[in-house]
């Protein structure tokens, strides 16, 4: 996804914003993140999600998630990134941004597995229920469950 607004436009929006958090929430699609951990921390902060809640919702190992948050694990698997997207309650567009930051292809509607994942993200379906839907279609669940 290419940035749509110029740097000057973003500066003007920032100046007129009540707070940086307001700016961040409205313009995060325009921003460039240096790492997956930076994006995740910003999402956690904006959605008031604690690390323990992210771990529970994403069904990932506690140590693994903390390594990602610290930046010690730079390349989590695509499924781990998708699990984190569910843990962060991202929609499919936000999940695509997270996937691109992690250097993976975005979700692709023509792939049945990705289509189900997109639908579930956009409708607030939990990771566990998403994996049930995938299994019912004889598709690989997200992660090892």
Protein backbone atom coordinates (compact mmCIF):
# COMPACT_ATOMS: atom_id res chain seq x y z
CA UNK A 1 0.00 0.00 0.00
CA UNK A 2 1.44 3.34 -1.02
CA UNK A 3 1.24 6.44 1.14
CA UNK A 4 -1.45 8.78 -0.13
CA UNK A 5 -0.69 12.00 1.72
CA UNK A 6 2.40 14.11 1.34
CA UNK A 7 4.72 14.71 4.28
CA UNK A 8 3.59 18.35 4.34
CA UNK A 9 -0.05 17.28 4.57
CA UNK A 10 0.76 14.96 7.46
CA UNK A 11 2.66 17.75 9.26
CA UNK A 12 -0.40 20.03 8.97
CA UNK A 13 -2.67 17.28 10.28
CA UNK A 14 -0.29 16.66 13.19
CA UNK A 15 -0.23 20.37 14.06
CA UNK A 16 -4.02 20.52 14.11
CA UNK A 17 -4.45 17.29 16.11
CA UNK A 18 -5.36 17.51 19.80
CA UNK A 19 -2.70 14.93 20.65
CA UNK A 20 -0.20 12.65 18.98
CA UNK A 21 -2.43 9.69 19.87
CA UNK A 22 -5.30 11.27 17.93
CA UNK A 23 -2.99 11.81 14.97
CA UNK A 24 -1.65 8.26 15.23
CA UNK A 25 -5.09 6.71 15.36
CA UNK A 26 -6.33 8.64 12.32
CA UNK A 27 -3.17 8.48 10.21
CA UNK A 28 -1.47 5.19 11.09
CA UNK A 29 -2.08 3.85 7.58
CA UNK A 30 0.13 6.68 6.32
CA UNK A 31 3.02 5.93 8.68
CA UNK A 32 6.07 3.78 8.06
CA UNK A 33 6.99 1.41 10.88
CA UNK A 34 10.57 0.27 11.37
CA UNK A 35 9.70 -3.10 12.90
CA UNK A 36 6.90 -5.48 13.71
CA UNK A 37 7.42 -4.84 17.43
CA UNK A 38 6.94 -1.08 16.93
CA UNK A 39 3.64 -1.62 15.10
CA UNK A 40 2.40 -4.15 17.67
CA UNK A 41 3.25 -1.88 20.61
CA UNK A 42 1.43 1.05 19.02
CA UNK A 43 -1.63 -1.12 18.36
CA UNK A 44 -1.53 -2.46 21.92
CA UNK A 45 -1.35 1.07 23.28
CA UNK A 46 -4.12 2.45 21.08
CA UNK A 47 -6.42 -0.48 21.89
CA UNK A 48 -5.36 -0.69 25.54
CA UNK A 49 -4.31 -4.34 25.20
CA UNK A 50 -1.89 -5.72 27.77
CA UNK A 51 0.79 -8.25 26.79
CA UNK A 52 -0.95 -10.99 28.80
CA UNK A 53 -4.18 -10.37 26.86
CA UNK A 54 -2.30 -10.42 23.54
CA UNK A 55 -0.70 -13.73 24.49
CA UNK A 56 -4.05 -15.27 25.46
CA UNK A 57 -5.87 -14.06 22.34
CA UNK A 58 -3.09 -15.03 19.95
CA UNK A 59 -2.56 -18.53 21.40
CA UNK A 60 1.19 -18.05 21.15
CA UNK A 61 3.84 -19.02 23.69
CA UNK A 62 4.49 -16.30 26.26
CA UNK A 63 8.26 -16.30 25.68
CA UNK A 64 7.79 -16.12 21.91
CA UNK A 65 5.50 -13.08 22.16
CA UNK A 66 7.85 -11.30 24.55
CA UNK A 67 10.75 -11.93 22.15
CA UNK A 68 8.73 -10.30 19.36
CA UNK A 69 7.78 -7.35 21.58
CA UNK A 70 11.41 -6.80 22.60
CA UNK A 71 12.51 -6.98 18.99
CA UNK A 72 14.66 -10.04 19.72
CA UNK A 73 12.68 -12.12 17.21
CA UNK A 74 12.71 -10.19 13.96
CA UNK A 75 11.11 -12.79 11.70
CA UNK A 76 8.14 -14.57 13.25
CA UNK A 77 6.37 -17.02 10.96
CA UNK A 78 3.48 -15.81 8.80
CA UNK A 79 1.05 -17.77 10.96
CA UNK A 80 2.50 -16.20 14.12
CA UNK A 81 1.94 -12.77 12.55
CA UNK A 82 -1.64 -13.75 11.73
CA UNK A 83 -2.12 -15.01 15.30
CA UNK A 84 -0.89 -11.64 16.56
CA UNK A 85 -3.35 -9.90 14.23
CA UNK A 86 -6.17 -11.82 15.92
CA UNK A 87 -4.70 -11.04 19.33
CA UNK A 88 -4.68 -7.34 18.47
CA UNK A 89 -8.23 -7.50 17.05
CA UNK A 90 -7.01 -6.08 13.73
CA UNK A 91 -9.22 -5.93 10.68
CA UNK A 92 -7.95 -7.44 7.42
CA UNK A 93 -6.42 -4.16 6.18
CA UNK A 94 -4.52 -3.69 9.45
CA UNK A 95 -3.44 -7.36 9.34
CA UNK A 96 -2.14 -6.79 5.80
CA UNK A 97 -0.03 -3.88 7.06
CA UNK A 98 1.35 -6.08 9.86
CA UNK A 99 2.13 -8.84 7.33
CA UNK A 100 3.94 -6.38 5.04
CA UNK A 101 5.99 -4.99 7.94
CA UNK A 102 7.00 -8.58 8.71
CA UNK A 103 7.89 -8.96 5.00
CA UNK A 104 5.10 -11.38 4.07
CA UNK A 105 2.53 -11.17 1.32
CA UNK A 106 -0.79 -9.60 2.27
CA UNK A 107 -3.87 -11.77 2.60
CA UNK A 108 -5.21 -12.69 -0.84
CA UNK A 109 -8.96 -13.10 -1.28
CA UNK A 110 -8.52 -15.67 -4.09
CA UNK A 111 -6.86 -18.09 -1.67
CA UNK A 112 -9.66 -19.84 0.25
CA UNK A 113 -7.65 -19.98 3.50
CA UNK A 114 -6.80 -16.28 3.29
CA UNK A 115 -10.41 -15.44 2.39
CA UNK A 116 -11.70 -17.13 5.54
CA UNK A 117 -9.04 -15.38 7.62
CA UNK A 118 -10.00 -12.01 6.10
CA UNK A 119 -13.67 -12.62 6.80
CA UNK A 120 -12.97 -13.62 10.39
CA UNK A 121 -10.71 -10.63 11.05
CA UNK A 122 -13.30 -8.24 9.62
CA UNK A 123 -16.10 -9.77 11.69
CA UNK A 124 -14.29 -10.03 15.03
CA UNK A 125 -14.17 -13.83 15.06
CA UNK A 126 -11.67 -15.26 17.57
CA UNK A 127 -8.59 -17.16 16.47
CA UNK A 128 -9.99 -20.37 17.96
CA UNK A 129 -13.27 -20.05 16.03
CA UNK A 130 -11.35 -19.11 12.88
CA UNK A 131 -9.30 -22.28 13.19
CA UNK A 132 -12.51 -24.29 13.57
CA UNK A 133 -13.86 -22.71 10.37
CA UNK A 134 -10.60 -23.49 8.56
CA UNK A 135 -10.63 -27.10 9.77
CA UNK A 136 -14.25 -27.53 8.67
CA UNK A 137 -13.11 -26.60 5.14
CA UNK A 138 -10.12 -28.97 5.35
CA UNK A 139 -7.76 -25.98 5.32
CA UNK A 140 -4.65 -25.58 7.46
CA UNK A 141 -5.41 -23.87 10.79
CA UNK A 142 -3.35 -20.88 11.84
CA UNK A 143 -0.39 -22.13 13.83
CA UNK A 144 0.01 -25.45 15.59
CA UNK A 145 -3.07 -26.07 17.69
